[in-house]
């Protein structure tokens, strides 16, 4: 990898050049867009080991996990877009209501224009390039701002983009918060941000100054409900994977468990078995596992350590894990019980390998607990009875999964995104294409006499009767 890439510093000039590209790309064909997507996929395929190495260097992400959670979601997204882009770009016919008799109407999809993508550190390749795929499919030039907390992956992304695109098409701007702030001050046509609700509010505030549309992929405390009818052994394996993949640094990771009190002990025992099976099958110690990533930096490590200490000081019980190695940024997968509302861990998104377990007596109690908190990005329920429909009907979340965790992110035909505090707008597949597209309604009227002719002034008795009929019957 060539590390000598000159950083872009004149963001206003860059956006000016991309504005010209946006006008030119407004009439881009499916073939032209597909060529860009194919080149992107080819680069990823040829440089898979470089991507794996960058992720390992940033926070010791195992290569298999890099393939599964960083590379596959992107290549799958590209493959899906390549297969369906031509049909997505076709004008969509709009049905004719009776008052519009004689007209024709359709929806034309045009690129929104210049897009800013601000991506996070927890899945630094996936969550940067995934939205880029959607933007390119929609025909939008992009300025991409990757996270400064994963410098090796960000540098690799910059190298990749410089090899595939001209700066006026796609450009990478590296740096810290000051770079994001300067970019957010510019008049983009769309902003796609992935990060925390706190920063999402700042993004939305800046976007409002230019009336820029936004897609906000945020987070929150995603609950996992385990009912008395659930298959506990099956649930434990799935929850453990969903929680501890990427060392818990996942926006859709199970944040806490609400388990029926009759299944608490069994669930804890099965979770312990599942954790050991994944990360310590040879009984050498989880800290020696090559399959568990590390916390991204000391600041986030200290935050998690403080959160764990606060919980224990306020009465939480560590029933598994709790071991910490600061020099390795290692926090052992940890299970907590005896949680109360005064604990930081009960109020803030954990974003790490700490899993609180809370009991409930009846399903309405669990539903009420979820509804007392802001709407989460995901909700998981493990159930074999009739509680699933009740939970999904009485709670609100960005997405929901029944009898599994996190896999919905990989489903190309599902919209992915939050609601309220957990996000705004949707992404992935067709919904990602829509996020970067303007749906322009087009109506075609016949020349000469038509229905609307009867509604023009002067408003005589005949015209008024026609209007009255419209109100009464349509």
Protein backbone atom coordinates (compact mmCIF):
# COMPACT_ATOMS: atom_id res chain seq x y z
CA UNK A 1 0.00 0.00 0.00
CA UNK A 2 1.29 3.44 -0.94
CA UNK A 3 1.26 5.50 2.26
CA UNK A 4 2.26 8.75 0.52
CA UNK A 5 -1.20 10.10 -0.30
CA UNK A 6 -1.38 13.87 -0.13
CA UNK A 7 -4.17 14.84 2.27
CA UNK A 8 -7.00 16.95 0.89
CA UNK A 9 -7.27 20.25 2.72
CA UNK A 10 -9.29 22.58 0.46
CA UNK A 11 -12.70 21.09 1.08
CA UNK A 12 -14.65 23.97 -0.48
CA UNK A 13 -12.79 23.63 -3.76
CA UNK A 14 -13.26 19.87 -3.69
CA UNK A 15 -17.01 20.23 -3.19
CA UNK A 16 -17.13 22.81 -6.02
CA UNK A 17 -15.54 20.28 -8.37
CA UNK A 18 -17.88 17.52 -7.20
CA UNK A 19 -20.88 19.79 -7.83
CA UNK A 20 -19.87 19.84 -11.49
CA UNK A 21 -19.59 16.07 -11.45
CA UNK A 22 -23.03 15.80 -9.86
CA UNK A 23 -24.56 17.70 -12.78
CA UNK A 24 -22.79 15.44 -15.28
CA UNK A 25 -23.74 12.28 -13.38
CA UNK A 26 -27.41 13.28 -13.33
CA UNK A 27 -27.75 11.61 -16.73
CA UNK A 28 -25.38 8.72 -16.00
CA UNK A 29 -26.49 5.37 -17.35
CA UNK A 30 -26.85 2.11 -15.48
CA UNK A 31 -23.86 0.77 -17.37
CA UNK A 32 -21.64 3.65 -16.22
CA UNK A 33 -22.67 3.19 -12.61
CA UNK A 34 -22.28 -0.57 -12.80
CA UNK A 35 -18.75 -0.21 -14.14
CA UNK A 36 -17.77 1.77 -11.03
CA UNK A 37 -19.32 -0.82 -8.73
CA UNK A 38 -17.57 -3.67 -10.50
CA UNK A 39 -14.20 -1.91 -10.26
CA UNK A 40 -14.78 -1.38 -6.54
CA UNK A 41 -15.63 -5.04 -6.00
CA UNK A 42 -12.60 -6.18 -7.98
CA UNK A 43 -10.29 -4.00 -5.88
CA UNK A 44 -11.71 -5.44 -2.66
CA UNK A 45 -11.33 -9.01 -3.92
CA UNK A 46 -7.73 -8.45 -4.97
CA UNK A 47 -6.78 -6.70 -1.73
CA UNK A 48 -8.67 -8.79 0.84
CA UNK A 49 -5.50 -9.55 2.83
CA UNK A 50 -4.64 -5.83 3.03
CA UNK A 51 -8.07 -5.11 4.47
CA UNK A 52 -7.68 -7.92 6.99
CA UNK A 53 -4.26 -6.63 8.04
CA UNK A 54 -5.44 -3.05 8.46
CA UNK A 55 -8.29 -4.17 10.71
CA UNK A 56 -5.92 -6.33 12.75
CA UNK A 57 -3.49 -3.45 13.14
CA UNK A 58 -6.28 -1.13 14.30
CA UNK A 59 -7.87 -3.35 16.98
CA UNK A 60 -6.85 -6.95 16.44
CA UNK A 61 -9.94 -7.96 14.53
CA UNK A 62 -9.55 -11.63 13.55
CA UNK A 63 -9.24 -12.21 9.81
CA UNK A 64 -12.29 -14.48 9.71
CA UNK A 65 -14.32 -11.85 11.54
CA UNK A 66 -13.00 -9.19 9.15
CA UNK A 67 -14.19 -11.31 6.23
CA UNK A 68 -17.59 -11.96 7.81
CA UNK A 69 -18.42 -8.55 9.25
CA UNK A 70 -16.45 -6.10 7.09
CA UNK A 71 -15.79 -7.53 3.63
CA UNK A 72 -18.75 -9.84 2.98
CA UNK A 73 -21.43 -7.20 3.80
CA UNK A 74 -19.80 -4.84 1.29
CA UNK A 75 -19.28 -7.35 -1.51
CA UNK A 76 -22.81 -8.66 -0.94
CA UNK A 77 -24.14 -5.11 -1.16
CA UNK A 78 -22.27 -4.56 -4.43
CA UNK A 79 -23.42 -7.87 -5.91
CA UNK A 80 -27.02 -7.07 -5.00
CA UNK A 81 -26.78 -3.58 -6.52
CA UNK A 82 -25.20 -4.92 -9.72
CA UNK A 83 -28.04 -7.42 -10.08
CA UNK A 84 -30.87 -4.96 -9.50
CA UNK A 85 -29.61 -1.47 -10.42
CA UNK A 86 -31.15 -1.34 -13.90
CA UNK A 87 -34.60 -2.10 -12.51
CA UNK A 88 -34.14 0.37 -9.63
CA UNK A 89 -33.34 3.15 -12.10
CA UNK A 90 -36.39 2.50 -14.27
CA UNK A 91 -39.17 5.09 -13.83
CA UNK A 92 -41.90 3.70 -11.61
CA UNK A 93 -45.41 4.05 -13.01
CA UNK A 94 -47.92 5.79 -10.75
CA UNK A 95 -51.52 4.63 -10.85
CA UNK A 96 -54.12 7.16 -11.99
CA UNK A 97 -56.80 8.37 -9.53
CA UNK A 98 -60.14 9.12 -11.20
CA UNK A 99 -59.91 12.95 -10.87
CA UNK A 100 -56.69 12.69 -12.93
CA UNK A 101 -58.39 10.75 -15.75
CA UNK A 102 -56.57 11.22 -19.01
CA UNK A 103 -53.19 12.00 -17.48
CA UNK A 104 -50.11 9.82 -17.13
CA UNK A 105 -47.73 9.82 -14.17
CA UNK A 106 -44.50 8.21 -13.09
CA UNK A 107 -41.70 8.56 -10.54
CA UNK A 108 -38.27 9.38 -11.90
CA UNK A 109 -35.24 8.61 -9.74
CA UNK A 110 -32.51 11.20 -9.97
CA UNK A 111 -29.31 11.52 -7.89
CA UNK A 112 -29.62 13.88 -4.95
CA UNK A 113 -26.19 15.30 -5.80
CA UNK A 114 -23.02 15.61 -3.73
CA UNK A 115 -22.99 13.34 -0.70
CA UNK A 116 -20.96 13.43 2.50
CA UNK A 117 -20.43 10.08 4.23
CA UNK A 118 -19.07 10.20 7.79
CA UNK A 119 -18.26 6.68 8.96
CA UNK A 120 -17.40 5.26 12.41
CA UNK A 121 -14.52 3.23 13.82
CA UNK A 122 -16.28 0.07 14.98
CA UNK A 123 -16.72 -1.42 11.49
CA UNK A 124 -14.42 1.00 9.69
CA UNK A 125 -14.42 -0.67 6.28
CA UNK A 126 -18.00 -1.95 6.16
CA UNK A 127 -19.68 1.22 7.39
CA UNK A 128 -17.63 3.46 5.11
CA UNK A 129 -17.87 1.51 1.88
CA UNK A 130 -21.41 0.15 2.29
CA UNK A 131 -23.00 3.62 2.03
CA UNK A 132 -20.56 4.47 -0.78
CA UNK A 133 -22.00 1.57 -2.78
CA UNK A 134 -25.49 3.03 -2.41
CA UNK A 135 -24.31 6.51 -3.37
CA UNK A 136 -22.55 5.26 -6.50
CA UNK A 137 -25.61 3.20 -7.44
CA UNK A 138 -27.72 6.35 -7.16
CA UNK A 139 -25.23 8.39 -9.21
CA UNK A 140 -23.84 10.64 -6.47
CA UNK A 141 -20.25 11.86 -6.12
CA UNK A 142 -19.00 11.42 -2.56
CA UNK A 143 -16.68 12.93 0.00
CA UNK A 144 -15.92 10.22 2.53
CA UNK A 145 -14.68 11.01 6.03
CA UNK A 146 -13.53 7.79 7.78
CA UNK A 147 -12.73 7.58 11.48
CA UNK A 148 -9.41 8.80 12.84
CA UNK A 149 -9.58 6.09 15.55
CA UNK A 150 -8.82 3.36 12.99
CA UNK A 151 -5.97 5.02 11.06
CA UNK A 152 -4.74 1.91 9.24
CA UNK A 153 -8.14 1.12 7.76
CA UNK A 154 -8.76 4.78 6.94
CA UNK A 155 -5.41 4.98 5.13
CA UNK A 156 -6.25 1.85 3.15
CA UNK A 157 -9.64 3.27 2.19
CA UNK A 158 -7.93 6.47 1.02
CA UNK A 159 -5.51 4.40 -1.05
CA UNK A 160 -8.34 2.36 -2.59
CA UNK A 161 -10.39 5.43 -3.51
CA UNK A 162 -7.38 7.22 -5.01
CA UNK A 163 -6.75 4.22 -7.28
CA UNK A 164 -10.35 3.90 -8.44
CA UNK A 165 -11.72 7.44 -8.65
CA UNK A 166 -10.80 11.00 -9.48
CA UNK A 167 -11.16 13.39 -6.49
CA UNK A 168 -14.04 15.15 -8.23
CA UNK A 169 -15.87 11.79 -8.24
CA UNK A 170 -15.04 10.26 -4.85
CA UNK A 171 -12.54 11.64 -2.36
CA UNK A 172 -11.42 10.66 1.13
CA UNK A 173 -10.76 13.37 3.71
CA UNK A 174 -8.83 12.07 6.71
CA UNK A 175 -8.40 13.73 10.08
CA UNK A 176 -10.11 14.33 13.39
CA UNK A 177 -13.17 16.17 14.61
CA UNK A 178 -12.00 19.43 13.06
CA UNK A 179 -12.21 17.87 9.58
CA UNK A 180 -15.75 16.67 10.21
CA UNK A 181 -16.75 20.09 11.51
CA UNK A 182 -15.40 21.85 8.43
CA UNK A 183 -17.06 19.39 6.07
CA UNK A 184 -20.38 19.73 7.89
CA UNK A 185 -20.30 23.49 7.32
CA UNK A 186 -20.48 22.96 3.55
CA UNK A 187 -23.68 22.77 1.44
CA UNK A 188 -23.89 19.08 0.57
CA UNK A 189 -27.00 17.62 -1.03
CA UNK A 190 -27.12 14.64 1.33
CA UNK A 191 -25.28 13.56 4.46
CA UNK A 192 -25.01 9.94 5.57
CA UNK A 193 -23.73 9.67 9.13
CA UNK A 194 -23.12 6.59 11.27
CA UNK A 195 -22.31 7.16 14.93
CA UNK A 196 -23.78 8.11 18.28
CA UNK A 197 -27.11 9.91 18.86
CA UNK A 198 -25.16 12.77 20.51
CA UNK A 199 -23.09 13.45 17.40
CA UNK A 200 -26.07 12.70 15.16
CA UNK A 201 -27.83 15.74 16.63
CA UNK A 202 -24.82 17.89 15.73
CA UNK A 203 -24.86 16.54 12.18
CA UNK A 204 -28.57 17.25 11.83
CA UNK A 205 -28.15 20.76 13.24
CA UNK A 206 -25.46 21.56 10.67
CA UNK A 207 -27.45 19.98 7.85
CA UNK A 208 -30.44 22.15 8.71
CA UNK A 209 -28.44 25.30 7.90
CA UNK A 210 -28.38 24.23 4.25
CA UNK A 211 -31.65 22.26 4.29
CA UNK A 212 -29.57 19.18 3.50
CA UNK A 213 -31.27 15.81 3.77
CA UNK A 214 -29.72 13.30 6.16
CA UNK A 215 -29.52 9.60 6.85
CA UNK A 216 -28.56 9.00 10.48
CA UNK A 217 -27.53 5.50 11.50
CA UNK A 218 -27.24 5.84 15.27
CA UNK A 219 -27.54 3.31 18.07
CA UNK A 220 -29.09 2.88 21.47
CA UNK A 221 -29.74 0.13 23.94
CA UNK A 222 -31.03 -2.77 21.84
CA UNK A 223 -32.97 -5.15 24.11
CA UNK A 224 -33.09 -8.93 23.95
CA UNK A 225 -36.19 -10.58 25.38
CA UNK A 226 -36.00 -14.26 26.31
CA UNK A 227 -39.40 -15.71 27.14
CA UNK A 228 -40.21 -18.74 29.25
CA UNK A 229 -40.91 -20.74 26.08
CA UNK A 230 -37.58 -19.99 24.38
CA UNK A 231 -35.03 -22.65 23.52
CA UNK A 232 -32.46 -21.42 26.03
CA UNK A 233 -29.41 -23.27 24.71
CA UNK A 234 -30.10 -22.05 21.18
CA UNK A 235 -30.79 -18.51 22.37
CA UNK A 236 -27.60 -18.36 24.43
CA UNK A 237 -25.37 -19.31 21.49
CA UNK A 238 -26.96 -16.69 19.25
CA UNK A 239 -26.94 -13.96 21.90
CA UNK A 240 -23.30 -14.63 22.79
CA UNK A 241 -22.23 -14.33 19.17
CA UNK A 242 -24.30 -11.20 18.53
CA UNK A 243 -23.03 -9.54 21.69
CA UNK A 244 -19.33 -10.39 21.65
CA UNK A 245 -18.50 -10.29 17.94
CA UNK A 246 -16.18 -7.30 17.43
CA UNK A 247 -15.75 -7.33 21.23
CA UNK A 248 -19.24 -5.93 21.66
CA UNK A 249 -18.48 -2.79 19.65
CA UNK A 250 -21.55 -3.13 17.44
CA UNK A 251 -24.43 -0.68 17.19
CA UNK A 252 -26.97 -3.52 16.89
CA UNK A 253 -25.40 -5.77 19.54
CA UNK A 254 -27.75 -7.01 22.28
CA UNK A 255 -27.27 -4.30 24.91
CA UNK A 256 -29.09 -6.10 27.71
CA UNK A 257 -31.21 -9.20 28.26
CA UNK A 258 -34.71 -9.33 29.71
CA UNK A 259 -35.24 -12.97 30.67
CA UNK A 260 -38.22 -14.63 32.35
CA UNK A 261 -37.20 -15.23 35.95
CA UNK A 262 -37.79 -19.00 35.59
CA UNK A 263 -35.07 -19.20 32.91
CA UNK A 264 -32.43 -16.90 34.41
CA UNK A 265 -30.10 -19.52 35.87
CA UNK A 266 -30.31 -21.76 32.83
CA UNK A 267 -29.63 -18.85 30.49
CA UNK A 268 -26.56 -17.76 32.47
CA UNK A 269 -25.18 -21.28 32.45
CA UNK A 270 -25.73 -21.61 28.70
CA UNK A 271 -24.20 -18.20 28.02
CA UNK A 272 -21.08 -19.20 29.93
CA UNK A 273 -20.83 -22.39 27.88
CA UNK A 274 -21.34 -20.46 24.64
CA UNK A 275 -18.66 -17.89 25.52
CA UNK A 276 -16.15 -20.60 26.42
CA UNK A 277 -16.97 -22.61 23.29
CA UNK A 278 -16.27 -19.56 21.11
CA UNK A 279 -13.28 -18.02 22.85
CA UNK A 280 -11.70 -20.67 25.06
CA UNK A 281 -12.35 -24.13 23.59
CA UNK A 282 -8.92 -25.40 24.70
CA UNK A 283 -9.16 -23.88 28.21
CA UNK A 284 -6.11 -21.63 27.82
CA UNK A 285 -7.88 -18.46 28.91
CA UNK A 286 -10.11 -16.17 26.87
CA UNK A 287 -7.40 -13.50 26.81
CA UNK A 288 -5.34 -15.83 24.60
CA UNK A 289 -8.12 -16.29 22.06
CA UNK A 290 -7.18 -15.23 18.52
CA UNK A 291 -10.88 -14.79 17.77
CA UNK A 292 -11.76 -11.95 20.16
CA UNK A 293 -11.06 -8.41 19.00
CA UNK A 294 -9.85 -5.68 21.34
CA UNK A 295 -11.27 -2.35 22.46
CA UNK A 296 -10.39 0.29 19.89
CA UNK A 297 -8.44 2.69 22.15
CA UNK A 298 -7.66 3.63 25.74
CA UNK A 299 -10.44 6.21 25.99
CA UNK A 300 -13.13 3.68 25.17
CA UNK A 301 -11.41 1.07 27.35
CA UNK A 302 -11.44 3.48 30.32
CA UNK A 303 -15.10 4.31 29.69
CA UNK A 304 -16.06 0.64 29.80
CA UNK A 305 -13.93 -0.03 32.88
CA UNK A 306 -15.56 2.93 34.65
CA UNK A 307 -19.00 1.69 33.63
CA UNK A 308 -18.27 -1.78 35.02
CA UNK A 309 -16.84 -0.39 38.26
CA UNK A 310 -19.87 1.85 38.70
CA UNK A 311 -22.24 -1.11 38.27
CA UNK A 312 -20.37 -3.25 40.83
CA UNK A 313 -20.19 -0.38 43.33
CA UNK A 314 -23.96 0.06 43.03
CA UNK A 315 -24.77 -3.61 43.62
CA UNK A 316 -24.34 -5.44 40.31
CA UNK A 317 -23.03 -8.99 40.54
CA UNK A 318 -20.42 -10.29 38.10
CA UNK A 319 -21.51 -13.86 37.34
CA UNK A 320 -18.91 -14.40 34.63
CA UNK A 321 -15.86 -12.56 33.34
CA UNK A 322 -14.77 -9.17 34.58
CA UNK A 323 -11.05 -9.64 33.92
CA UNK A 324 -9.25 -6.65 32.39
CA UNK A 325 -5.80 -6.15 30.85
CA UNK A 326 -5.26 -2.46 30.19
CA UNK A 327 -1.99 -2.83 28.29
CA UNK A 328 -3.78 -5.10 25.78
CA UNK A 329 -7.05 -3.12 25.76
CA UNK A 330 -8.67 -6.42 26.74
CA UNK A 331 -11.97 -6.74 28.56
CA UNK A 332 -13.23 -10.26 29.08
CA UNK A 333 -16.80 -11.06 28.02
CA UNK A 334 -18.70 -10.22 31.18
CA UNK A 335 -22.17 -11.13 32.46
CA UNK A 336 -23.86 -8.98 35.11
CA UNK A 337 -26.97 -9.47 37.21
CA UNK A 338 -28.69 -7.41 39.94
CA UNK A 339 -29.00 -4.35 37.69
CA UNK A 340 -30.74 -1.22 38.93
CA UNK A 341 -31.70 2.05 37.15
CA UNK A 342 -29.06 4.12 39.02
CA UNK A 343 -26.22 2.36 37.22
CA UNK A 344 -24.56 3.95 34.20
CA UNK A 345 -24.79 0.60 32.47
CA UNK A 346 -28.58 0.75 32.68
CA UNK A 347 -28.78 4.20 31.12
CA UNK A 348 -26.05 4.42 28.45
CA UNK A 349 -25.37 2.27 25.40
CA UNK A 350 -22.62 -0.13 26.50
CA UNK A 351 -20.78 -0.67 23.20
CA UNK A 352 -18.47 -3.26 24.68
CA UNK A 353 -18.30 -6.87 25.96
CA UNK A 354 -20.47 -6.35 29.06
CA UNK A 355 -23.94 -7.91 29.12
CA UNK A 356 -26.48 -7.08 31.85
CA UNK A 357 -29.15 -9.67 32.59
CA UNK A 358 -32.47 -8.50 34.01
CA UNK A 359 -35.42 -10.69 35.00
CA UNK A 360 -39.14 -10.15 34.50
CA UNK A 361 -42.25 -11.99 35.68
CA UNK A 362 -44.71 -11.39 32.84
CA UNK A 363 -44.26 -10.22 29.27
CA UNK A 364 -45.96 -6.87 29.84
CA UNK A 365 -43.28 -6.07 32.42
CA UNK A 366 -40.61 -6.66 29.78
CA UNK A 367 -42.51 -4.56 27.24
CA UNK A 368 -42.84 -1.70 29.73
CA UNK A 369 -39.10 -1.83 30.43
CA UNK A 370 -38.30 -1.48 26.73
CA UNK A 371 -40.81 1.35 26.29
CA UNK A 372 -39.35 3.37 29.16
CA UNK A 373 -36.17 3.79 27.12
CA UNK A 374 -35.63 5.62 23.80
CA UNK A 375 -36.54 3.58 20.73
CA UNK A 376 -33.66 1.19 19.98
CA UNK A 377 -31.96 0.40 16.69
CA UNK A 378 -32.83 -3.29 17.04
CA UNK A 379 -34.98 -5.52 19.22
CA UNK A 380 -34.46 -9.27 19.61
CA UNK A 381 -36.95 -11.76 20.98
CA UNK A 382 -36.42 -15.46 21.61
CA UNK A 383 -39.79 -17.12 21.90
CA UNK A 384 -41.68 -20.26 20.90
CA UNK A 385 -45.15 -19.20 22.03
CA UNK A 386 -47.44 -16.31 21.19
CA UNK A 387 -45.47 -13.52 22.82
CA UNK A 388 -43.62 -12.50 19.65
CA UNK A 389 -46.58 -10.80 18.01
CA UNK A 390 -47.44 -8.99 21.24
CA UNK A 391 -43.90 -7.69 21.74
CA UNK A 392 -43.52 -6.53 18.14
CA UNK A 393 -46.92 -4.84 18.26
CA UNK A 394 -46.40 -3.03 21.55
CA UNK A 395 -42.78 -1.87 21.10
CA UNK A 396 -41.04 0.30 18.52
CA UNK A 397 -37.56 -0.30 17.14
CA UNK A 398 -35.58 0.30 13.98
CA UNK A 399 -35.61 -3.41 13.15
CA UNK A 400 -36.50 -6.62 14.94
CA UNK A 401 -35.26 -10.20 14.79
CA UNK A 402 -37.06 -13.27 16.10
CA UNK A 403 -34.94 -16.13 17.49
CA UNK A 404 -31.60 -14.67 16.40
CA UNK A 405 -29.44 -11.55 16.66
CA UNK A 406 -27.79 -9.04 14.28
CA UNK A 407 -28.33 -11.11 11.10
CA UNK A 408 -30.85 -8.64 9.69
CA UNK A 409 -27.93 -6.36 8.79
CA UNK A 410 -26.96 -8.86 6.09
CA UNK A 411 -30.42 -9.09 4.52
CA UNK A 412 -30.22 -7.05 1.33
CA UNK A 413 -33.98 -6.79 0.85
CA UNK A 414 -34.72 -5.38 4.29
CA UNK A 415 -34.49 -1.67 5.08
CA UNK A 416 -31.89 -1.06 7.80
CA UNK A 417 -32.12 1.94 10.08
CA UNK A 418 -33.38 3.40 13.31
CA UNK A 419 -36.30 5.39 14.58
CA UNK A 420 -36.24 8.41 16.86
CA UNK A 421 -33.13 8.37 19.02
CA UNK A 422 -31.67 5.43 17.08
CA UNK A 423 -31.69 7.03 13.67
CA UNK A 424 -33.41 8.60 10.71
CA UNK A 425 -33.75 7.14 7.22
CA UNK A 426 -32.99 3.70 5.82
CA UNK A 427 -30.11 2.02 4.05
CA UNK A 428 -29.04 -1.22 2.30
CA UNK A 429 -30.08 -2.49 -1.10
CA UNK A 430 -32.95 -0.66 -2.75
CA UNK A 431 -33.44 1.43 0.39
CA UNK A 432 -29.83 2.61 0.21
CA UNK A 433 -30.37 3.54 -3.44
CA UNK A 434 -33.44 5.55 -2.37
CA UNK A 435 -31.49 7.27 0.42
CA UNK A 436 -29.23 8.94 -2.15
CA UNK A 437 -31.98 9.45 -4.78
CA UNK A 438 -34.64 12.08 -5.25
CA UNK A 439 -37.99 10.57 -6.19
CA UNK A 440 -39.28 13.10 -8.67
CA UNK A 441 -42.96 12.83 -9.50
CA UNK A 442 -43.74 13.53 -13.15
CA UNK A 443 -47.27 14.14 -14.50
CA UNK A 444 -48.02 14.19 -18.25
CA UNK A 445 -51.13 16.00 -19.42
CA UNK A 446 -52.72 15.88 -22.86
CA UNK A 447 -52.57 18.98 -25.04
CA UNK A 448 -55.83 20.90 -25.39
CA UNK A 449 -59.11 20.15 -23.64
CA UNK A 450 -58.89 17.95 -20.51
CA UNK A 451 -60.59 17.48 -17.13
CA UNK A 452 -58.69 20.33 -15.54
CA UNK A 453 -60.09 22.71 -18.20
CA UNK A 454 -63.48 22.46 -16.47
CA UNK A 455 -62.03 23.79 -13.20
CA UNK A 456 -60.74 27.14 -14.43
CA UNK A 457 -62.34 30.52 -13.71
CA UNK A 458 -64.79 32.01 -14.10
CA UNK A 459 -66.28 29.90 -11.31
CA UNK A 460 -69.85 29.60 -12.51
CA UNK A 461 -72.56 27.29 -11.20
CA UNK A 462 -71.43 24.41 -13.44
CA UNK A 463 -67.83 24.66 -12.25
CA UNK A 464 -68.89 24.82 -8.60
CA UNK A 465 -70.99 21.67 -9.03
CA UNK A 466 -68.01 19.84 -10.49
CA UNK A 467 -65.85 20.93 -7.55
CA UNK A 468 -68.58 19.86 -5.10
CA UNK A 469 -68.68 16.46 -6.78
CA UNK A 470 -64.91 16.09 -6.42
CA UNK A 471 -65.14 16.81 -2.70
CA UNK A 472 -68.08 14.45 -2.20
CA UNK A 473 -66.94 11.47 -4.25
CA UNK A 474 -63.16 11.64 -4.41
